[in-house]
Protein backbone atom coordinates (compact mmCIF):
# COMPACT_ATOMS: atom_id res chain seq x y z
CA MET A 1 -17.60 -47.69 161.08
CA SER A 2 -18.38 -50.01 163.98
CA GLU A 3 -16.17 -52.97 164.87
CA PHE A 4 -19.09 -55.18 163.85
CA HIS A 5 -19.06 -53.84 160.32
CA ARG A 6 -15.25 -53.94 160.15
CA SER A 7 -15.49 -57.70 160.59
CA LEU A 8 -17.78 -58.19 157.58
CA PRO A 9 -16.60 -59.59 154.24
CA ASP A 10 -15.79 -56.93 151.65
CA TYR A 11 -19.10 -57.33 149.85
CA LEU A 12 -21.04 -56.78 153.10
CA HIS A 13 -19.33 -53.54 154.17
CA GLU A 14 -21.67 -50.69 155.13
CA GLU A 15 -20.77 -48.65 152.05
CA ILE A 16 -21.49 -51.56 149.70
CA LEU A 17 -24.76 -52.36 151.46
CA LEU A 18 -25.89 -48.77 150.87
CA HIS A 19 -24.48 -48.61 147.34
CA PRO A 20 -24.31 -52.15 145.91
CA GLU A 21 -23.54 -50.72 142.48
CA ASN A 22 -20.03 -50.03 143.84
CA ARG A 23 -19.31 -53.70 144.49
CA GLN A 24 -16.52 -55.01 142.29
CA PHE A 25 -17.03 -58.19 140.25
CA PRO A 26 -14.41 -60.17 138.34
CA GLY A 27 -16.34 -60.25 135.05
CA PHE A 28 -18.46 -62.90 133.38
CA ASP A 29 -16.66 -66.19 132.74
CA LEU A 30 -18.88 -68.93 131.29
CA GLY A 31 -16.46 -71.73 132.07
CA ARG A 32 -16.14 -70.69 135.70
CA LEU A 33 -19.91 -70.34 136.06
CA LEU A 34 -20.72 -73.75 134.59
CA ASN A 35 -17.94 -75.46 136.52
CA GLN A 36 -19.14 -74.00 139.82
CA VAL A 37 -22.83 -74.67 139.18
CA PHE A 38 -22.68 -78.12 137.58
CA ALA A 39 -19.49 -79.94 138.58
CA PRO A 40 -18.93 -82.58 137.41
CA THR A 41 -19.32 -81.59 133.76
CA GLN A 42 -17.07 -84.23 132.19
CA ASN A 43 -18.89 -86.10 129.40
CA CYS A 44 -22.08 -84.06 129.91
CA ARG A 45 -24.07 -83.20 126.80
CA VAL A 46 -25.27 -79.60 127.02
CA CYS A 47 -27.74 -77.53 125.01
CA ILE A 48 -29.26 -74.05 125.05
CA LEU A 49 -32.98 -73.24 124.91
CA VAL A 50 -34.42 -69.90 123.76
CA ASP A 51 -37.97 -68.78 122.99
CA PHE A 52 -39.68 -66.82 120.22
CA GLU A 53 -43.18 -66.01 119.02
CA ASN A 54 -42.21 -67.68 115.74
CA PRO A 55 -39.52 -70.17 116.79
CA ALA A 56 -39.35 -72.14 113.53
CA ALA A 57 -38.52 -69.06 111.47
CA MET A 58 -36.33 -67.25 113.99
CA ILE A 59 -34.02 -70.13 114.95
CA LYS A 60 -33.42 -71.42 111.41
CA ASP A 61 -29.91 -70.36 110.42
CA PHE A 62 -30.05 -68.05 113.48
CA THR A 63 -32.26 -65.61 111.58
CA PHE A 64 -33.03 -63.74 114.82
CA LEU A 65 -29.50 -62.34 114.82
CA GLN A 66 -30.47 -60.23 111.79
CA HIS A 67 -33.39 -58.61 113.63
CA ASP A 68 -33.78 -56.10 116.42
CA GLY A 69 -35.93 -56.90 119.43
CA PHE A 70 -34.41 -60.12 120.74
CA PRO A 71 -31.88 -58.94 123.35
CA VAL A 72 -32.19 -61.98 125.64
CA GLN A 73 -31.83 -64.46 122.80
CA GLN A 74 -28.94 -62.52 121.24
CA ARG A 75 -27.07 -62.57 124.56
CA ALA A 76 -27.76 -66.30 124.78
CA HIS A 77 -26.10 -66.74 121.38
CA GLN A 78 -23.16 -64.42 122.05
CA HIS A 79 -22.26 -65.37 125.60
CA PHE A 80 -23.45 -68.98 125.88
CA TYR A 81 -23.70 -70.60 122.42
CA LEU A 82 -20.48 -69.06 121.08
CA GLY A 83 -18.85 -69.30 124.51
CA LEU A 84 -19.43 -73.05 124.62
CA ARG A 85 -18.06 -73.53 121.12
CA ASP A 86 -15.08 -71.20 121.61
CA GLY A 87 -13.43 -73.43 124.17
CA VAL A 88 -15.67 -73.85 127.21
CA MET A 89 -16.97 -77.27 126.18
CA GLN A 90 -13.43 -78.50 125.62
CA GLU A 91 -12.26 -76.94 128.88
CA LEU A 92 -14.99 -78.66 130.91
CA GLY A 93 -15.13 -81.93 128.98
CA MET A 94 -18.65 -81.29 127.68
CA TYR A 95 -20.09 -81.89 124.23
CA GLY A 96 -23.13 -80.89 122.20
CA GLY A 97 -23.77 -77.16 122.55
CA ALA A 98 -26.70 -76.91 120.13
CA MET A 99 -29.31 -74.16 120.43
CA TYR A 100 -33.02 -74.98 120.22
CA ALA A 101 -36.07 -72.70 120.16
CA TYR A 102 -39.57 -73.15 121.54
CA GLN A 103 -42.81 -71.17 121.48
CA VAL A 104 -42.80 -68.32 124.00
CA THR A 105 -45.24 -69.24 126.78
CA GLY A 106 -46.61 -65.77 127.51
CA GLY A 107 -46.37 -66.12 131.29
CA SER A 108 -44.03 -66.92 134.15
CA ASN A 109 -43.51 -70.67 134.69
CA LEU A 110 -46.24 -71.84 132.33
CA ASP A 111 -45.69 -75.36 130.97
CA LEU A 112 -43.80 -75.57 127.67
CA ALA A 113 -45.35 -77.00 124.54
CA ASP A 114 -43.62 -80.17 123.35
CA GLU A 115 -42.63 -78.75 119.95
CA VAL A 116 -39.09 -77.40 119.62
CA TRP A 117 -36.96 -76.45 116.61
CA ASP A 118 -33.26 -76.75 115.83
CA ALA A 119 -31.05 -74.31 113.92
CA HIS A 120 -31.72 -76.16 110.67
CA GLY A 121 -35.45 -75.51 111.03
CA ASN A 122 -36.32 -79.10 111.92
CA GLN A 123 -39.24 -79.61 114.30
CA LEU A 124 -38.37 -81.88 117.22
CA SER A 125 -40.01 -83.02 120.45
CA PHE A 126 -38.84 -81.99 123.92
CA ASP A 127 -39.91 -85.31 125.42
CA ARG A 128 -38.46 -87.45 122.62
CA ASP A 129 -35.40 -85.53 121.40
CA ILE A 130 -34.23 -83.03 124.01
CA TYR A 131 -34.92 -84.08 127.60
CA PRO A 132 -33.75 -87.70 127.38
CA ASN A 133 -30.67 -86.87 125.28
CA HIS A 134 -29.08 -84.07 127.31
CA ASP A 135 -27.44 -83.91 130.72
CA ILE A 136 -27.49 -80.12 131.16
CA LEU A 137 -30.03 -77.64 129.73
CA LEU A 138 -29.47 -73.88 129.81
CA CYS A 139 -32.79 -72.08 129.30
CA ILE A 140 -32.27 -68.40 128.45
CA SER A 141 -35.75 -67.14 127.79
CA THR A 142 -38.27 -64.32 127.96
CA PHE A 143 -40.34 -65.89 130.75
CA SER A 144 -39.14 -68.13 133.55
CA ALA A 145 -39.34 -71.86 132.84
CA THR A 146 -38.11 -73.03 136.26
CA ALA A 147 -41.33 -74.79 137.28
CA PRO A 148 -41.92 -76.82 134.09
CA LEU A 149 -38.24 -77.73 133.71
CA THR A 150 -38.04 -78.81 137.36
CA ALA A 151 -40.88 -81.26 136.73
CA LYS A 152 -39.27 -82.52 133.52
CA ALA A 153 -35.85 -82.86 135.19
CA LYS A 154 -37.37 -85.21 137.77
CA GLN A 155 -39.00 -87.22 134.98
CA PHE A 156 -36.02 -87.45 132.62
CA GLY A 157 -33.04 -87.07 134.97
CA PHE A 158 -31.24 -84.00 133.60
CA ARG A 159 -29.82 -80.92 135.34
CA GLY A 160 -30.16 -77.34 134.17
CA ALA A 161 -30.37 -73.63 134.79
CA THR A 162 -33.02 -71.05 133.96
CA LEU A 163 -31.78 -67.53 133.20
CA HIS A 164 -34.82 -65.64 131.94
CA GLY A 165 -34.59 -61.92 131.26
CA LEU A 166 -30.81 -61.99 130.90
CA ASN A 167 -29.32 -58.50 130.56
CA ASP A 168 -25.86 -56.91 130.64
CA ILE A 169 -26.03 -55.94 134.33
CA ILE A 170 -26.84 -59.54 135.26
CA LEU A 171 -23.95 -60.82 133.15
CA ARG A 172 -21.52 -58.41 134.84
CA SER A 173 -22.74 -59.03 138.41
CA GLY A 174 -25.21 -61.79 139.29
CA LEU A 175 -23.54 -64.30 136.95
CA ALA A 176 -20.01 -63.16 137.79
CA VAL A 177 -20.07 -63.98 141.52
CA ASP A 178 -18.48 -67.00 143.17
CA TYR A 179 -21.39 -69.39 143.58
CA ARG A 180 -19.59 -71.23 146.34
CA ASP A 181 -19.90 -68.03 148.38
CA VAL A 182 -23.52 -67.59 147.31
CA SER A 183 -24.34 -71.11 148.44
CA ARG A 184 -22.61 -70.66 151.80
CA ASP A 185 -24.40 -67.37 152.50
CA ALA A 186 -27.78 -68.79 151.48
CA GLU A 187 -27.25 -71.71 153.84
CA LYS A 188 -26.33 -69.37 156.72
CA LEU A 189 -29.53 -67.39 156.27
CA ARG A 190 -31.54 -70.54 155.71
CA ARG A 191 -30.44 -71.79 159.13
CA ALA A 192 -31.28 -68.41 160.66
CA LEU A 193 -34.85 -68.59 159.32
CA THR A 194 -35.66 -72.29 159.15
CA ARG A 195 -38.58 -73.66 161.14
CA ALA A 196 -40.07 -70.19 161.54
CA ASP A 197 -43.65 -70.33 162.76
CA GLU A 198 -44.81 -66.93 161.54
CA ILE A 199 -43.64 -63.92 159.56
CA GLU A 200 -45.19 -60.46 159.85
CA ILE A 201 -44.48 -57.74 157.29
CA ASP A 202 -45.28 -54.06 157.86
CA PHE A 203 -45.58 -51.79 154.83
CA GLU A 204 -45.67 -48.00 155.24
CA LEU A 205 -47.53 -46.01 152.59
CA GLU A 206 -46.74 -42.42 151.64
CA ASP A 207 -49.80 -41.20 153.55
CA GLY A 208 -48.50 -42.82 156.75
CA ARG A 209 -50.80 -45.85 156.76
CA ILE A 210 -49.30 -49.14 157.91
CA LEU A 211 -50.42 -52.35 156.23
CA THR A 212 -49.53 -55.67 157.82
CA ALA A 213 -49.40 -59.09 156.19
CA TRP A 214 -49.18 -62.20 158.39
CA LEU A 215 -47.96 -65.53 157.05
CA ASP A 216 -48.18 -68.87 158.81
CA LEU A 217 -45.18 -71.06 157.95
CA GLY A 218 -46.00 -73.86 160.35
CA GLY A 219 -42.42 -74.44 161.47
CA GLN A 220 -41.42 -75.79 158.05
CA GLU A 221 -37.82 -76.20 156.94
CA ALA A 222 -36.69 -73.18 154.96
CA GLN A 223 -35.45 -73.89 151.43
CA LYS A 224 -32.75 -72.11 149.47
CA SER A 225 -32.02 -71.16 145.89
CA HIS A 226 -28.23 -71.19 145.97
CA GLY A 227 -27.19 -71.86 142.38
CA LEU A 228 -25.38 -75.18 142.74
CA CYS A 229 -26.51 -78.36 140.93
CA LEU A 230 -23.55 -80.52 141.87
CA GLY A 231 -23.37 -84.26 141.30
CA THR A 232 -25.77 -85.95 138.93
CA ALA A 233 -29.12 -85.68 140.74
CA PRO A 234 -31.89 -84.03 138.67
CA ASP A 235 -32.16 -80.36 139.58
CA ILE A 236 -32.75 -76.91 138.08
CA ALA A 237 -30.91 -73.81 139.27
CA ASN A 238 -32.55 -70.42 138.89
CA LEU A 239 -29.73 -67.99 138.04
CA PRO A 240 -28.84 -65.52 139.42
CA ALA A 241 -29.43 -67.37 142.69
CA GLY A 242 -29.33 -66.33 146.33
CA GLU A 243 -32.64 -66.72 148.13
CA VAL A 244 -34.25 -68.36 151.16
CA TYR A 245 -37.91 -69.23 150.70
CA PHE A 246 -40.97 -70.82 152.23
CA VAL A 247 -44.34 -72.08 150.99
CA PRO A 248 -46.95 -70.33 153.21
CA GLN A 249 -49.54 -72.52 154.88
CA ASP A 250 -51.85 -69.59 155.60
CA ALA A 251 -51.88 -65.82 155.20
CA ARG A 252 -54.07 -62.86 156.06
CA GLY A 253 -53.89 -59.08 156.22
CA GLN A 254 -53.01 -56.52 153.59
CA PHE A 255 -50.11 -55.57 151.41
CA PRO A 256 -49.53 -53.08 148.59
CA MET A 257 -48.70 -54.02 145.03
CA LYS A 258 -47.32 -51.95 142.19
CA TYR A 259 -48.72 -53.07 138.83
CA GLU A 260 -46.83 -52.97 135.55
CA ASP A 261 -48.52 -49.71 134.49
CA GLY A 262 -47.47 -48.01 137.75
CA THR A 263 -50.85 -48.32 139.46
CA LEU A 264 -50.58 -48.90 143.20
CA GLY A 265 -53.14 -51.24 144.70
CA LEU A 266 -54.03 -52.46 148.18
CA LEU A 267 -54.55 -56.23 148.33
CA ASP A 268 -56.72 -57.87 150.98
CA VAL A 269 -55.64 -61.38 151.96
CA LYS A 270 -57.42 -64.12 153.85
CA ASP A 271 -57.14 -67.91 153.84
CA ARG A 272 -53.76 -67.69 152.07
CA ALA A 273 -55.16 -65.87 149.06
CA ILE A 274 -55.69 -62.39 147.68
CA HIS A 275 -59.44 -61.96 147.48
CA ARG A 276 -59.80 -58.25 146.59
CA ALA A 277 -57.77 -55.34 145.24
CA SER A 278 -58.53 -51.66 145.81
CA LEU A 279 -56.98 -48.53 144.37
CA ILE A 280 -54.37 -46.44 146.17
CA ALA A 281 -53.14 -44.47 143.16
CA GLY A 282 -53.22 -44.86 139.39
CA GLN A 283 -55.72 -46.52 137.09
CA GLN A 284 -59.00 -47.89 138.46
CA ALA A 285 -59.29 -50.04 135.33
CA THR A 286 -56.14 -51.93 136.34
CA ILE A 287 -57.67 -52.75 139.73
CA GLU A 288 -60.95 -53.81 138.14
CA ALA A 289 -59.12 -56.12 135.76
CA HIS A 290 -57.30 -57.77 138.68
CA ASN A 291 -60.56 -58.23 140.60
CA ALA A 292 -62.22 -59.72 137.54
CA ARG A 293 -59.42 -62.26 137.26
CA LEU A 294 -59.70 -63.14 140.95
CA ARG A 295 -63.46 -63.68 140.58
CA ASP A 296 -63.04 -65.77 137.44
CA ASP A 297 -60.22 -67.96 138.82
CA PRO A 298 -59.60 -67.53 142.57
CA MET A 299 -56.54 -69.81 142.42
CA THR A 300 -54.65 -66.95 140.73
CA GLY A 301 -54.64 -65.11 144.06
CA THR A 302 -53.23 -67.96 146.16
CA LEU A 303 -49.92 -67.13 147.82
CA GLY A 304 -47.40 -69.80 146.89
CA GLU A 305 -44.11 -68.36 148.13
CA LEU A 306 -42.41 -66.03 150.59
CA GLY A 307 -38.78 -65.32 149.71
CA PHE A 308 -35.83 -63.35 151.09
CA GLY A 309 -32.79 -62.20 149.11
CA THR A 310 -29.33 -63.17 150.34
CA GLN A 311 -26.88 -61.40 147.99
CA VAL A 312 -25.43 -57.91 147.67
CA LEU A 313 -26.00 -57.06 144.01
CA PRO A 314 -26.70 -53.93 141.96
CA VAL A 315 -30.20 -53.26 140.71
CA SER A 316 -30.63 -54.93 137.32
CA TYR A 317 -34.29 -53.91 136.72
CA ALA A 318 -35.04 -57.60 136.20
CA ASP A 319 -36.75 -59.43 139.05
CA ILE A 320 -34.70 -62.58 138.44
CA GLN A 321 -31.74 -60.75 140.00
CA ASP A 322 -33.39 -58.03 142.05
CA GLU A 323 -35.37 -60.47 144.22
CA LYS A 324 -32.04 -62.01 145.29
CA VAL A 325 -30.82 -58.76 146.88
CA LEU A 326 -30.27 -58.76 150.64
CA GLY A 327 -32.82 -56.52 152.37
CA THR A 328 -35.63 -57.30 149.95
CA CYS A 329 -38.40 -59.85 150.18
CA HIS A 330 -41.06 -61.07 147.80
CA LEU A 331 -44.34 -62.91 147.71
CA ALA A 332 -45.54 -64.97 144.78
CA THR A 333 -48.97 -66.02 143.60
CA GLY A 334 -49.89 -69.13 141.67
CA ARG A 335 -48.30 -72.53 141.17
CA ASP A 336 -45.69 -73.63 143.68
CA ASP A 337 -45.20 -77.31 142.87
CA HIS A 338 -41.57 -76.61 141.87
CA LEU A 339 -41.01 -75.29 145.41
CA GLY A 340 -42.47 -78.36 147.08
CA GLY A 341 -45.93 -76.80 147.41
CA ASP A 342 -49.38 -78.14 146.64
CA ILE A 343 -50.55 -75.71 143.93
CA VAL A 344 -50.33 -77.47 140.56
CA PRO A 345 -51.35 -76.30 137.07
CA GLY A 346 -54.44 -78.53 136.98
CA MET A 347 -56.01 -76.54 139.82
CA PHE A 348 -56.46 -73.43 137.64
CA LYS A 349 -59.47 -72.75 135.47
CA LYS A 350 -57.33 -72.15 132.39
CA HIS A 351 -53.80 -73.21 131.46
CA GLU A 352 -52.69 -69.62 130.91
CA ASN A 353 -53.62 -68.81 134.53
CA SER A 354 -51.23 -71.38 136.02
CA THR A 355 -48.31 -68.99 136.34
CA HIS A 356 -45.99 -68.35 139.26
CA ASP A 357 -45.76 -64.54 139.58
CA ASP A 358 -43.36 -62.82 141.95
CA ILE A 359 -44.34 -59.61 143.75
CA LEU A 360 -41.06 -57.93 144.68
CA PHE A 361 -40.68 -55.38 147.46
CA ALA A 362 -37.52 -53.38 146.75
CA PRO A 363 -36.65 -49.65 146.90
CA HIS A 364 -36.29 -49.22 143.14
CA LYS A 365 -39.37 -51.33 142.35
CA THR A 366 -41.74 -49.91 144.96
CA PRO A 367 -40.48 -46.41 145.82
CA ASN A 368 -43.95 -45.23 146.91
CA PHE A 369 -44.00 -47.47 149.97
CA ASN A 370 -41.49 -48.63 152.54
CA LEU A 371 -40.75 -52.10 153.79
CA ARG A 372 -40.89 -50.80 157.33
CA GLN A 373 -40.25 -54.05 159.21
CA VAL A 374 -40.23 -57.82 158.76
CA ARG A 375 -40.48 -59.91 161.91
CA MET A 376 -40.04 -63.63 162.57
CA LYS A 377 -41.54 -65.77 165.32
CA ARG A 378 -39.88 -69.13 165.93
CA GLY A 379 -41.09 -70.79 169.12
CA GLU A 380 -40.24 -68.31 171.86
CA GLN A 381 -37.72 -66.54 169.64
CA ARG A 382 -38.62 -63.12 168.19
CA GLU A 383 -36.36 -61.50 165.60
CA ILE A 384 -36.47 -58.49 163.30
CA LEU A 385 -35.24 -59.54 159.86
CA ILE A 386 -35.50 -56.36 157.78
CA GLU A 387 -36.09 -52.68 158.60
CA ASN A 388 -36.52 -50.03 155.92
CA PHE A 389 -35.14 -52.34 153.23
CA ARG A 390 -32.01 -53.01 155.30
CA PRO A 391 -31.01 -56.39 156.75
CA SER A 392 -31.19 -56.43 160.54
CA ARG A 393 -28.29 -57.10 162.87
CA TYR A 394 -29.70 -60.61 163.36
CA MET A 395 -29.38 -61.28 159.61
CA MET A 396 -25.92 -59.72 159.38
CA GLU A 397 -24.63 -61.73 162.31
CA ALA A 398 -26.00 -64.88 160.73
CA LEU A 399 -24.06 -64.09 157.56
CA THR A 400 -20.79 -63.57 159.42
CA ALA A 401 -21.16 -66.68 161.62
CA GLU A 402 -18.64 -69.47 161.07
């Protein structure tokens, strides 16, 4: 091992970078997590939000606990609802702790309906009964609610965290880290990337073709998702956290995308938007469906985010954690108002189109193509950021800087 790697923190050692599943974590501790993320918590009223297709029936008397098929919601009850009541609220000086259910949205970051139900089966209103009467909301749901809750937090003044797709690996790793370390590392990489003018990404397909996507960032300040909502200012943390991100001003070129059914498509980009998909391997019908959606509502192809992971974490098979892994990057299409962008739900043809959908490039997610190289241009500075899904020396030195 080189002297450079000997100087790295334990969780950045060469062996752990290659095999993040070997990293040791202290175990999930709800009190520690909430104290790190939300301090101060004294006198804060907290609640938990979950989602169901039939929220009124499933939340009443916690009926969902008697059914299979609700793993996220059952973990929310076991690890958060019971955890709060079994001493965490008293430990942190919080009160409340109720669980409420809302109608599943059906898409990432779609706005929530106003109706919500309590565990007695009573129908309530988010705007009247929940948002103005709570200081901290923990949303543990099927689909991400970061964008709509960010907007509501600014309106009503609460803080919160979104933890969609919660699974056991995330509990043992991404929610068991020290978020003070996560925040420090995210800030180090944010400074290393901030005010970048351009990013170029080379993708290598199995047949040897190289696709290149170019993104114009216009010298903007990089932003970070670092997991801390300290103080009392309205804010929503997306947990697990650990990401540096930008809102692209322009984009062109090509990049591959793996669809949910395994189909691999080639996406052509111009004027910051995907305008056509073509088949590399898999189902032509999947490609045709994507093209039909782009024709019907071109806003669905607009690129709203470029993000880089900053943590060393095991693969969880849930993008909420896997996009935070160092050496990966992701693009996202759709709304970006929660990131400070200009794409808002009203710009889409239909409400159900106004999602924010991440496209993750990671070895386990996209094994049939390689993230060959990611390059940054910042004034006269030229830096390689990632090669073959590995952070470059420039990134590693940024992480170990004082």
